[in-house]
Amino acid sequence: MRRRRRALAALAAAVALAVSGCSGVAGGAPPGAGGEARIVLGVEAVRGLDPAGLFNLTPSGDANRMAAIYDLLFSLDSSTGEVRPRLGRSLTANERGDEWRMVLRPGVRFTDGTPLDAAAVKFNYDRIKDPATASPLADLLDGVTVRTDGEYGLVLSLAEPNRAFDRIVATSLAFIASPTAIRTDPDFANNPVGAGPFKLDEWVRDYRMTLVRNEDYWQPDRPYLAKVTFLPLRDPLQRVNMVATGQADAAVPGSELSYMKFARSDGLEVASAEAGGGVMLMLNTERPPFDDVRARRAVRLALDVDDMASVIDPGASAPSGLYGPSSPYRTGAARPAHDPAGAQRLFDELAAEGEPVEFTASVATSGFFVRTAEYLQSRLGQYDGVRVEIETLDNATIDQKVFSQRDFQMSAQIVHLSDPEPNLSKLLARDGQTNYMGFADPEMDRALEDGRTAASEEERRRAYATVEKIVAEEVPVLSVRNQQPYTVHSPDLRGLTLQGDGSLLYDRLRVTG
């Protein structure tokens, strides 16, 4: 890997030709004032940057661009799941948890001069709910009535209690766009207007996106930087090399945790956060062989997830449970042990009934997910009555085939759980948005509802302990590697604060070199 990294230095220099228009940090500027940050991400914003049109944002893709342009109503601590105010001052529930009051900061304006007031937030939420918008976020506001309460207050009335609704707002409903820009620009998704620390200056597709300082940002002493440039580059090792060779200031490598070690060996720094969730195998419970729980349990017993994590991502570890090390919902319960003999008994039982465990692992083309599929094929292939094929799909195809059509037997995704909500309900509820496995279990639905409506933290902890227990028994998903969002950066770039799934708070970035 080290030899490959050195060899790629030349390639990184070649890529630098594509960014030669991006100047480095402004020389002579006082520490923390002015300058530019060049940040390398994994993919281009192919769907544009309309908050109503995006879902499942990732730090290596649109989440960082959106945070820089729109800021957030509320942010979520990446490790603890704590909700913190930003454009919004407060978000509080009534005693039942079925009505939430949001109070905004007064005087905030979008970069086109439109006020970011209660009417603007209501416009955005009503637009998400409108069937004509076809927003992938619409389910999150199903049954929610939004009304304004003064110039900067809103009341959100829920169809049923949800004491974790503030987490839903912070993770999925935090980006608010200018109503004026949406109404007047039919191509708004490609000309986004927000109230964030930066505004769009230039966007050359598959080349670079340049943002410049919002001089009317709601925090008058921020942002510190004059400019942010996003550069799309698919290969994660090349992204790290861009920073190591001085052609960029930061990079989000994406799925693989092993790049943290390589980055540090090159004198770079890493901003990271321990989180829950992680890389999860998704077993389609609606299709053979995984419509039979015995097949799912056999795979769980057959795999040594500690070995798997170290092979697919050297230096990484397997999670001890659903929730992260800083989570109050961490139970400390031992995960099911690796049991090859028990696995073979189940495989034999299924084969004797004419149902051998034969399936295709459908994964993205990135090296990490390909290694995951190859590990499954190698280790599970050692058992009698098991055959694993591999299908690699580009991002557009996997989005269509796996995530939209659910035409797969086994796949994998990264699930971030700084707090159980809203991602656990999305993943495991019968009608959850990311329940690609087709998993349906009444006890699970009750436990998730109990977690959302719990009147005390103790009740909430009991509910999510039940969720973890059901996952261990029914195996709709199998966690095989821990989750730790991170950004690699130059020592000269400071103030990196991760929020949510791992995107940055851009008003805090500054250069010191």
Protein backbone atom coordinates (compact mmCIF):
# COMPACT_ATOMS: atom_id res chain seq x y z
CA MET A 1 0.00 0.00 0.00
CA ARG A 2 2.86 2.37 0.80
CA ARG A 3 4.42 1.73 -2.63
CA ARG A 4 1.07 2.31 -4.27
CA ARG A 5 0.67 5.56 -2.35
CA ARG A 6 4.04 6.84 -3.56
CA ALA A 7 3.21 5.83 -7.11
CA LEU A 8 -0.03 7.75 -6.91
CA ALA A 9 1.80 10.93 -5.94
CA ALA A 10 2.53 11.48 -9.62
CA LEU A 11 -1.13 10.95 -10.41
CA ALA A 12 -2.07 13.43 -7.71
CA ALA A 13 0.24 15.95 -9.34
CA ALA A 14 -1.48 15.32 -12.65
CA VAL A 15 -4.87 15.82 -11.05
CA ALA A 16 -3.52 19.09 -9.72
CA LEU A 17 -3.60 20.40 -13.29
CA ALA A 18 -7.37 20.27 -13.02
CA VAL A 19 -7.31 22.46 -9.94
CA SER A 20 -4.57 24.86 -10.92
CA GLY A 21 -7.12 27.65 -10.80
CA CYS A 22 -7.52 27.02 -7.07
CA SER A 23 -4.94 29.10 -5.24
CA GLY A 24 -3.48 27.96 -1.92
CA VAL A 25 -3.82 29.62 1.43
CA ALA A 26 -3.50 33.36 1.17
CA GLY A 27 0.06 34.27 2.08
CA GLY A 28 0.62 36.79 4.81
CA ALA A 29 -2.93 36.66 6.16
CA PRO A 30 -3.11 36.74 9.97
CA PRO A 31 -3.84 33.37 11.57
CA GLY A 32 -7.49 32.38 11.21
CA ALA A 33 -8.40 35.20 8.80
CA GLY A 34 -9.00 34.83 5.06
CA GLY A 35 -7.53 32.12 2.91
CA GLU A 36 -9.04 29.17 1.11
CA ALA A 37 -9.79 25.56 1.93
CA ARG A 38 -9.69 23.05 -0.94
CA ILE A 39 -11.67 19.98 0.08
CA VAL A 40 -11.72 16.74 -1.91
CA LEU A 41 -14.95 14.75 -1.92
CA GLY A 42 -15.78 11.41 -3.48
CA VAL A 43 -18.63 12.26 -5.84
CA GLU A 44 -20.11 15.12 -7.80
CA ALA A 45 -23.50 16.53 -6.77
CA VAL A 46 -25.24 14.87 -9.71
CA ARG A 47 -28.77 15.59 -8.44
CA GLY A 48 -28.10 19.23 -7.61
CA LEU A 49 -28.40 20.75 -4.15
CA ASP A 50 -32.10 21.24 -3.54
CA PRO A 51 -32.79 20.26 0.11
CA ALA A 52 -36.17 18.79 -0.85
CA GLY A 53 -34.63 16.53 -3.47
CA LEU A 54 -31.84 14.88 -1.49
CA PHE A 55 -31.82 11.96 0.91
CA ASN A 56 -29.22 9.81 2.66
CA LEU A 57 -26.53 12.47 2.38
CA THR A 58 -22.94 11.35 2.94
CA PRO A 59 -19.92 13.37 4.10
CA SER A 60 -17.96 12.35 0.99
CA GLY A 61 -20.77 13.71 -1.17
CA ASP A 62 -23.51 16.28 -0.73
CA ALA A 63 -23.62 16.63 3.07
CA ASN A 64 -20.53 18.86 3.14
CA ARG A 65 -21.64 21.02 0.22
CA MET A 66 -25.07 21.50 1.78
CA ALA A 67 -23.64 22.43 5.19
CA ALA A 68 -21.44 25.11 3.63
CA ILE A 69 -24.21 26.68 1.54
CA TYR A 70 -27.26 26.29 3.80
CA ASP A 71 -25.87 25.93 7.33
CA LEU A 72 -28.26 23.95 9.57
CA LEU A 73 -31.26 24.73 11.71
CA PHE A 74 -29.78 22.39 14.32
CA SER A 75 -26.69 20.19 14.33
CA LEU A 76 -26.17 16.76 15.85
CA ASP A 77 -23.06 15.75 17.77
CA SER A 78 -21.52 12.93 15.74
CA SER A 79 -20.60 10.87 18.81
CA THR A 80 -23.27 11.54 21.42
CA GLY A 81 -26.30 12.46 19.31
CA GLU A 82 -26.85 15.70 21.25
CA VAL A 83 -28.91 18.28 19.31
CA ARG A 84 -27.36 21.76 19.26
CA PRO A 85 -28.76 25.10 18.04
CA ARG A 86 -27.53 26.92 14.95
CA LEU A 87 -29.94 28.86 12.72
CA GLY A 88 -32.60 27.68 15.11
CA ARG A 89 -32.38 28.83 18.72
CA SER A 90 -34.49 26.11 20.32
CA LEU A 91 -36.63 23.09 19.55
CA THR A 92 -38.72 21.86 22.48
CA ALA A 93 -41.54 19.36 22.93
CA ASN A 94 -44.70 19.49 25.00
CA GLU A 95 -45.23 16.93 27.75
CA ARG A 96 -46.70 14.31 25.39
CA GLY A 97 -44.06 14.77 22.69
CA ASP A 98 -46.67 15.31 19.96
CA GLU A 99 -46.09 19.05 19.56
CA TRP A 100 -42.76 20.77 19.04
CA ARG A 101 -42.04 24.48 19.11
CA MET A 102 -39.15 25.81 17.03
CA VAL A 103 -37.71 29.28 17.61
CA LEU A 104 -35.37 30.78 15.00
CA ARG A 105 -32.61 33.33 15.38
CA PRO A 106 -33.99 36.76 14.44
CA GLY A 107 -32.52 38.77 11.60
CA VAL A 108 -30.99 35.91 9.57
CA ARG A 109 -31.20 36.36 5.79
CA PHE A 110 -30.51 34.16 2.80
CA THR A 111 -27.78 35.35 0.47
CA ASP A 112 -30.43 36.80 -1.89
CA GLY A 113 -31.74 39.01 0.94
CA THR A 114 -34.87 36.99 1.72
CA PRO A 115 -35.51 36.66 5.48
CA LEU A 116 -35.00 33.23 7.01
CA ASP A 117 -38.07 33.46 9.19
CA ALA A 118 -40.86 31.13 10.25
CA ALA A 119 -42.63 31.60 6.90
CA ALA A 120 -39.49 30.45 5.06
CA VAL A 121 -39.18 27.27 7.13
CA LYS A 122 -42.90 26.53 6.69
CA PHE A 123 -42.55 27.05 2.93
CA ASN A 124 -39.71 24.52 2.81
CA TYR A 125 -41.54 21.93 4.92
CA ASP A 126 -44.81 22.36 3.01
CA ARG A 127 -42.89 21.91 -0.23
CA ILE A 128 -41.38 18.66 1.05
CA LYS A 129 -44.88 17.44 1.96
CA ASP A 130 -46.36 18.42 -1.42
CA PRO A 131 -46.76 15.25 -3.56
CA ALA A 132 -45.87 17.31 -6.64
CA THR A 133 -42.35 17.76 -5.23
CA ALA A 134 -41.88 13.97 -4.95
CA SER A 135 -39.45 14.59 -2.09
CA PRO A 136 -37.72 11.55 -0.59
CA LEU A 137 -38.09 13.34 2.76
CA ALA A 138 -41.90 13.48 2.62
CA ASP A 139 -42.39 10.48 4.91
CA LEU A 140 -40.55 12.30 7.70
CA LEU A 141 -43.31 14.95 7.73
CA ASP A 142 -46.21 12.57 7.16
CA GLY A 143 -49.03 13.61 9.49
CA VAL A 144 -47.09 16.68 10.66
CA THR A 145 -48.92 20.03 10.62
CA VAL A 146 -46.69 23.09 10.45
CA ARG A 147 -47.92 26.54 11.45
CA THR A 148 -46.14 29.79 12.15
CA ASP A 149 -46.30 31.39 15.58
CA GLY A 150 -45.01 34.89 15.20
CA GLU A 151 -42.20 36.02 12.92
CA TYR A 152 -39.62 33.54 14.20
CA GLY A 153 -41.66 30.77 15.82
CA LEU A 154 -43.20 27.59 14.44
CA VAL A 155 -45.36 24.87 15.95
CA LEU A 156 -45.08 21.36 14.50
CA SER A 157 -47.98 19.12 15.50
CA LEU A 158 -47.29 15.40 15.07
CA ALA A 159 -49.86 12.69 14.37
CA GLU A 160 -48.35 10.64 17.21
CA PRO A 161 -45.84 11.41 19.97
CA ASN A 162 -42.15 11.37 19.08
CA ARG A 163 -39.77 12.61 21.74
CA ALA A 164 -36.87 12.19 19.31
CA PHE A 165 -38.35 14.43 16.61
CA ASP A 166 -35.58 16.97 17.24
CA ARG A 167 -33.10 14.32 15.97
CA ILE A 168 -35.14 13.97 12.77
CA VAL A 169 -34.99 17.73 12.23
CA ALA A 170 -31.23 17.86 12.91
CA THR A 171 -30.36 14.94 10.63
CA SER A 172 -32.83 15.25 7.73
CA LEU A 173 -34.77 18.54 7.87
CA ALA A 174 -32.01 21.00 8.81
CA PHE A 175 -31.33 22.59 5.40
CA ILE A 176 -33.59 25.52 4.51
CA ALA A 177 -33.52 27.19 1.07
CA SER A 178 -34.62 30.65 -0.02
CA PRO A 179 -38.32 30.62 -0.98
CA THR A 180 -37.69 33.50 -3.38
CA ALA A 181 -34.98 31.59 -5.25
CA ILE A 182 -37.11 28.43 -5.43
CA ARG A 183 -40.11 30.34 -6.79
CA THR A 184 -38.16 32.31 -9.40
CA ASP A 185 -35.50 29.87 -10.61
CA PRO A 186 -36.69 26.67 -12.32
CA ASP A 187 -33.12 25.38 -12.13
CA PHE A 188 -32.76 26.12 -8.43
CA ALA A 189 -31.11 22.75 -7.67
CA ASN A 190 -28.10 23.87 -9.69
CA ASN A 191 -28.16 27.45 -8.38
CA PRO A 192 -28.72 26.90 -4.65
CA VAL A 193 -29.35 29.84 -2.34
CA GLY A 194 -29.05 29.36 1.41
CA ALA A 195 -28.13 31.26 4.56
CA GLY A 196 -24.88 29.41 5.23
CA PRO A 197 -21.38 30.75 5.76
CA PHE A 198 -20.63 30.50 2.02
CA LYS A 199 -22.46 31.07 -1.26
CA LEU A 200 -22.01 29.56 -4.69
CA ASP A 201 -19.62 31.44 -6.97
CA GLU A 202 -18.78 28.90 -9.69
CA TRP A 203 -19.71 25.32 -10.45
CA VAL A 204 -17.93 23.44 -13.21
CA ARG A 205 -19.32 19.91 -13.16
CA ASP A 206 -16.86 17.11 -12.43
CA TYR A 207 -14.14 19.75 -11.99
CA ARG A 208 -14.75 22.05 -9.04
CA MET A 209 -17.33 23.98 -7.07
CA THR A 210 -16.18 27.32 -5.67
CA LEU A 211 -17.92 29.01 -2.76
CA VAL A 212 -17.13 32.48 -1.46
CA ARG A 213 -17.66 34.06 1.94
CA ASN A 214 -21.18 35.17 2.83
CA GLU A 215 -20.49 38.71 4.03
CA ASP A 216 -23.93 38.88 5.67
CA TYR A 217 -23.66 35.62 7.61
CA TRP A 218 -25.59 35.61 10.88
CA GLN A 219 -22.38 35.33 12.91
CA PRO A 220 -20.65 38.62 12.02
CA ASP A 221 -17.14 37.39 12.85
CA ARG A 222 -17.48 34.28 10.70
CA PRO A 223 -16.73 32.47 8.52
CA TYR A 224 -13.00 32.82 8.89
CA LEU A 225 -12.19 31.65 5.37
CA ALA A 226 -12.67 33.72 2.22
CA LYS A 227 -13.26 30.75 -0.05
CA VAL A 228 -14.02 27.01 -0.08
CA THR A 229 -13.44 24.88 -3.16
CA PHE A 230 -14.86 21.37 -3.46
CA LEU A 231 -13.06 18.97 -5.79
CA PRO A 232 -14.65 15.65 -6.83
CA LEU A 233 -12.29 12.66 -7.05
CA ARG A 234 -13.50 9.07 -6.93
CA ASP A 235 -10.47 7.15 -5.69
CA PRO A 236 -10.15 7.56 -1.88
CA LEU A 237 -6.39 7.02 -1.83
CA GLN A 238 -5.96 9.74 -4.45
CA ARG A 239 -8.01 12.05 -2.23
CA VAL A 240 -5.60 11.50 0.65
CA ASN A 241 -2.62 11.96 -1.68
CA MET A 242 -4.02 15.29 -2.85
CA VAL A 243 -3.71 16.55 0.72
CA ALA A 244 -0.35 14.88 1.30
CA THR A 245 1.13 16.55 -1.80
CA GLY A 246 -0.28 20.00 -0.97
CA GLN A 247 -2.84 20.06 -3.78
CA ALA A 248 -5.73 20.14 -1.30
CA ASP A 249 -6.25 21.05 2.33
CA ALA A 250 -8.70 18.34 3.39
CA ALA A 251 -10.29 15.16 2.06
CA VAL A 252 -13.11 12.85 3.06
CA PRO A 253 -11.82 9.37 2.17
CA GLY A 254 -15.22 7.76 2.65
CA SER A 255 -15.77 4.16 3.75
CA GLU A 256 -12.28 2.98 4.71
CA LEU A 257 -10.88 3.71 8.16
CA SER A 258 -7.40 2.42 7.24
CA TYR A 259 -6.61 5.68 5.44
CA MET A 260 -6.35 7.43 8.79
CA LYS A 261 -3.14 5.54 9.49
CA PHE A 262 -1.67 6.33 6.08
CA ALA A 263 -2.61 10.00 6.41
CA ARG A 264 -0.91 10.33 9.78
CA SER A 265 2.22 8.62 8.46
CA ASP A 266 2.38 11.39 5.84
CA GLY A 267 2.26 14.10 8.52
CA LEU A 268 -1.43 14.87 8.06
CA GLU A 269 -4.02 15.21 10.81
CA VAL A 270 -7.40 13.53 11.23
CA ALA A 271 -10.63 14.93 12.66
CA SER A 272 -12.84 11.99 13.67
CA ALA A 273 -15.72 10.95 15.90
CA GLU A 274 -16.55 7.56 17.38
CA ALA A 275 -20.11 6.67 16.48
CA GLY A 276 -22.56 3.80 16.55
CA GLY A 277 -23.75 1.72 13.65
CA GLY A 278 -21.15 0.95 11.02
CA VAL A 279 -20.87 -1.22 7.95
CA MET A 280 -23.87 -3.51 7.88
CA LEU A 281 -24.66 -6.48 5.69
CA MET A 282 -28.27 -6.21 4.53
CA LEU A 283 -30.05 -9.55 4.17
CA ASN A 284 -33.19 -9.36 2.03
CA THR A 285 -35.80 -11.04 4.20
CA GLU A 286 -38.31 -11.15 1.33
CA ARG A 287 -36.21 -13.33 -1.00
CA PRO A 288 -34.58 -16.75 -0.69
CA PRO A 289 -32.40 -17.76 0.96
CA PHE A 290 -32.73 -15.02 3.59
CA ASP A 291 -36.52 -15.17 3.84
CA ASP A 292 -35.69 -18.07 6.20
CA VAL A 293 -34.30 -16.80 9.49
CA ARG A 294 -32.16 -19.94 9.79
CA ALA A 295 -30.12 -18.84 6.78
CA ARG A 296 -29.59 -15.41 8.32
CA ARG A 297 -28.56 -16.90 11.65
CA ALA A 298 -26.24 -19.37 9.94
CA VAL A 299 -24.37 -16.54 8.21
CA ARG A 300 -24.07 -14.69 11.52
CA LEU A 301 -22.60 -17.78 13.21
CA ALA A 302 -20.34 -18.60 10.26
CA LEU A 303 -18.58 -15.23 10.14
CA ASP A 304 -15.80 -14.17 12.49
CA VAL A 305 -16.60 -10.47 12.37
CA ASP A 306 -13.41 -9.49 14.22
CA ASP A 307 -11.35 -11.18 11.52
CA MET A 308 -13.62 -9.78 8.81
CA ALA A 309 -13.20 -6.18 9.99
CA SER A 310 -9.40 -6.49 10.11
CA VAL A 311 -9.26 -7.97 6.60
CA ILE A 312 -11.67 -5.70 4.74
CA ASP A 313 -10.32 -2.56 6.46
CA PRO A 314 -6.93 -3.14 8.12
CA GLY A 315 -6.76 -1.56 11.55
CA ALA A 316 -10.54 -1.38 11.94
CA SER A 317 -12.55 -3.37 14.45
CA ALA A 318 -15.95 -5.00 14.64
CA PRO A 319 -18.61 -3.17 16.64
CA SER A 320 -19.61 -4.66 19.98
CA GLY A 321 -23.23 -3.63 19.44
CA LEU A 322 -25.53 -1.27 17.56
CA TYR A 323 -24.59 1.79 19.59
CA GLY A 324 -21.30 3.62 19.79
CA PRO A 325 -18.87 3.78 22.73
CA SER A 326 -20.13 7.23 23.81
CA SER A 327 -23.82 6.35 23.49
CA PRO A 328 -25.97 6.13 26.65
CA TYR A 329 -27.80 3.26 24.91
CA ARG A 330 -24.78 1.01 24.77
CA THR A 331 -25.81 -2.16 26.62
CA GLY A 332 -22.50 -3.99 26.89
CA ALA A 333 -24.21 -7.23 25.91
CA ALA A 334 -21.89 -9.69 24.19
CA ARG A 335 -22.60 -10.20 20.50
CA PRO A 336 -23.31 -13.77 19.34
CA ALA A 337 -20.11 -15.81 19.23
CA HIS A 338 -18.47 -17.13 16.08
CA ASP A 339 -19.72 -20.74 15.93
CA PRO A 340 -18.66 -22.63 12.76
CA ALA A 341 -20.15 -25.92 13.95
CA GLY A 342 -23.48 -24.30 14.74
CA ALA A 343 -23.46 -22.58 11.37
CA GLN A 344 -22.79 -25.83 9.52
CA ARG A 345 -25.67 -27.54 11.32
CA LEU A 346 -28.05 -24.87 10.07
CA PHE A 347 -26.60 -24.98 6.54
CA ASP A 348 -27.02 -28.78 6.54
CA GLU A 349 -30.58 -28.50 7.79
CA LEU A 350 -31.50 -26.10 5.01
CA ALA A 351 -29.74 -28.17 2.34
CA ALA A 352 -31.58 -31.31 3.50
CA GLU A 353 -34.85 -29.46 2.87
CA GLY A 354 -33.71 -28.55 -0.65
CA GLU A 355 -32.86 -24.97 0.30
CA PRO A 356 -29.06 -24.57 0.13
CA VAL A 357 -27.78 -21.10 0.98
CA GLU A 358 -26.91 -19.77 -2.46
CA PHE A 359 -26.93 -16.03 -3.00
CA THR A 360 -25.37 -13.06 -4.77
CA ALA A 361 -23.69 -10.24 -2.86
CA SER A 362 -24.51 -7.02 -4.75
CA VAL A 363 -22.03 -4.29 -3.80
CA ALA A 364 -20.63 -0.98 -4.99
CA THR A 365 -17.47 -0.98 -7.08
CA SER A 366 -15.30 0.68 -4.43
CA GLY A 367 -12.41 -1.42 -3.17
CA PHE A 368 -13.80 -1.57 0.34
CA PHE A 369 -17.15 -3.07 -0.62
CA VAL A 370 -15.55 -5.40 -3.16
CA ARG A 371 -13.23 -6.70 -0.42
CA THR A 372 -16.29 -7.19 1.77
CA ALA A 373 -17.97 -9.33 -0.88
CA GLU A 374 -14.77 -11.28 -1.57
CA TYR A 375 -14.38 -12.02 2.13
CA LEU A 376 -17.93 -13.37 2.25
CA GLN A 377 -17.30 -15.51 -0.81
CA SER A 378 -14.04 -16.87 0.60
CA ARG A 379 -15.12 -17.60 4.16
CA LEU A 380 -18.68 -18.76 3.56
CA GLY A 381 -17.50 -20.86 0.61
CA GLN A 382 -15.66 -23.09 3.11
CA TYR A 383 -18.99 -24.41 4.40
CA ASP A 384 -20.95 -27.21 2.76
CA GLY A 385 -24.23 -26.15 1.19
CA VAL A 386 -23.19 -22.53 0.61
CA ARG A 387 -22.35 -20.71 -2.61
CA VAL A 388 -21.71 -16.96 -2.92
CA GLU A 389 -21.55 -14.99 -6.18
CA ILE A 390 -20.44 -11.37 -6.43
CA GLU A 391 -22.13 -8.60 -8.39
CA THR A 392 -20.38 -5.21 -8.52
CA LEU A 393 -22.49 -2.20 -9.44
CA ASP A 394 -21.69 1.45 -10.11
CA ASN A 395 -23.31 4.01 -7.83
CA ALA A 396 -26.21 4.79 -10.17
CA THR A 397 -27.02 1.11 -10.69
CA ILE A 398 -26.80 0.15 -7.03
CA ASP A 399 -29.02 3.10 -6.16
CA GLN A 400 -31.61 1.87 -8.65
CA LYS A 401 -31.35 -1.88 -8.24
CA VAL A 402 -30.69 -2.25 -4.51
CA PHE A 403 -32.06 0.89 -2.88
CA SER A 404 -35.03 1.58 -5.17
CA GLN A 405 -36.13 -1.76 -6.63
CA ARG A 406 -34.74 -3.88 -3.75
CA ASP A 407 -33.68 -6.43 -6.34
CA PHE A 408 -30.93 -8.15 -4.34
CA GLN A 409 -30.25 -10.96 -1.89
CA MET A 410 -27.41 -9.47 0.15
CA SER A 411 -25.81 -6.05 -0.01
CA ALA A 412 -24.07 -3.65 2.36
CA GLN A 413 -24.45 -0.08 3.53
CA ILE A 414 -22.98 2.22 6.15
CA VAL A 415 -25.44 3.21 8.88
CA HIS A 416 -24.55 6.05 11.24
CA LEU A 417 -26.08 5.90 14.73
CA SER A 418 -24.90 8.80 16.86
CA ASP A 419 -28.41 8.55 18.32
CA PRO A 420 -30.88 5.70 17.70
CA GLU A 421 -33.30 8.10 16.03
CA PRO A 422 -34.09 8.63 13.30
CA ASN A 423 -31.79 6.14 11.56
CA LEU A 424 -32.85 3.03 13.45
CA SER A 425 -36.51 3.56 12.60
CA LYS A 426 -35.58 4.22 8.98
CA LEU A 427 -33.60 0.99 8.93
CA LEU A 428 -35.75 -1.43 10.91
CA ALA A 429 -39.37 -0.24 11.01
CA ARG A 430 -41.75 -2.08 8.67
CA ASP A 431 -42.14 1.01 6.47
CA GLY A 432 -38.68 2.50 7.15
CA GLN A 433 -37.08 4.47 4.32
CA THR A 434 -33.82 2.50 4.40
CA ASN A 435 -35.38 -0.84 5.31
CA TYR A 436 -34.17 -2.29 2.02
CA MET A 437 -34.25 -5.75 3.64
CA GLY A 438 -38.06 -5.80 3.74
CA PHE A 439 -37.85 -6.66 7.43
CA ALA A 440 -41.23 -6.71 9.20
CA ASP A 441 -41.52 -7.59 12.87
CA PRO A 442 -44.34 -6.32 15.13
CA GLU A 443 -42.17 -6.56 18.23
CA MET A 444 -39.52 -4.42 16.54
CA ASP A 445 -42.10 -1.82 15.54
CA ARG A 446 -43.37 -1.66 19.13
CA ALA A 447 -39.86 -1.28 20.53
CA LEU A 448 -39.04 1.52 18.10
CA GLU A 449 -42.29 3.29 18.95
CA ASP A 450 -41.57 2.86 22.66
CA GLY A 451 -38.17 4.47 22.10
CA ARG A 452 -39.71 7.43 20.26
CA THR A 453 -42.45 8.02 22.84
CA ALA A 454 -40.58 7.18 26.06
CA ALA A 455 -41.21 9.68 28.84
CA SER A 456 -37.86 9.01 30.53
CA GLU A 457 -34.32 8.12 29.50
CA GLU A 458 -34.59 4.83 31.40
CA GLU A 459 -37.65 3.83 29.33
CA ARG A 460 -35.83 4.86 26.17
CA ARG A 461 -32.78 2.76 27.08
CA ARG A 462 -34.97 -0.28 27.70
CA ALA A 463 -36.68 0.15 24.34
CA TYR A 464 -33.45 0.37 22.39
CA ALA A 465 -31.98 -2.58 24.29
CA THR A 466 -34.98 -4.55 23.00
CA VAL A 467 -34.23 -3.33 19.46
CA GLU A 468 -30.66 -4.60 19.75
CA LYS A 469 -31.88 -7.96 21.10
CA ILE A 470 -34.29 -8.45 18.17
CA VAL A 471 -31.57 -7.59 15.64
CA ALA A 472 -29.31 -10.24 17.22
CA GLU A 473 -32.09 -12.84 17.02
CA GLU A 474 -33.64 -12.05 13.64
CA VAL A 475 -30.51 -10.80 11.80
CA PRO A 476 -32.05 -8.48 9.18
CA VAL A 477 -28.67 -6.74 9.25
CA LEU A 478 -25.26 -7.79 10.51
CA SER A 479 -22.74 -5.18 11.70
CA VAL A 480 -19.25 -6.12 10.53
CA ARG A 481 -17.17 -2.97 11.09
CA ASN A 482 -17.35 -0.02 13.47
CA GLN A 483 -18.28 3.47 12.34
CA GLN A 484 -15.93 6.44 12.71
CA PRO A 485 -16.58 9.36 10.37
CA TYR A 486 -13.42 11.34 9.69
CA THR A 487 -11.75 13.98 7.56
CA VAL A 488 -8.05 14.01 6.70
CA HIS A 489 -6.53 17.49 6.68
CA SER A 490 -3.38 19.55 6.53
CA PRO A 491 -1.99 20.77 9.88
CA ASP A 492 -2.59 24.30 8.58
CA LEU A 493 -6.36 23.81 8.41
CA ARG A 494 -7.91 24.14 11.86
CA GLY A 495 -11.36 24.26 13.45
CA LEU A 496 -12.66 21.03 11.95
CA THR A 497 -15.83 20.06 13.83
CA LEU A 498 -17.76 17.01 12.71
CA GLN A 499 -21.55 16.95 13.01
CA GLY A 500 -24.28 14.51 12.05
CA ASP A 501 -22.96 11.70 9.86
CA GLY A 502 -19.55 13.40 9.66
CA SER A 503 -19.90 16.59 7.65
CA LEU A 504 -18.16 19.77 8.84
CA LEU A 505 -19.35 23.04 10.35
CA TYR A 506 -17.89 25.44 7.82
CA ASP A 507 -18.07 28.67 9.77
CA ARG A 508 -15.35 27.28 12.08
CA LEU A 509 -12.70 26.42 9.49
CA ARG A 510 -9.59 28.59 9.42
CA VAL A 511 -6.05 28.46 8.07
CA THR A 512 -2.96 29.10 10.14
CA GLY A 513 -0.08 28.66 7.70
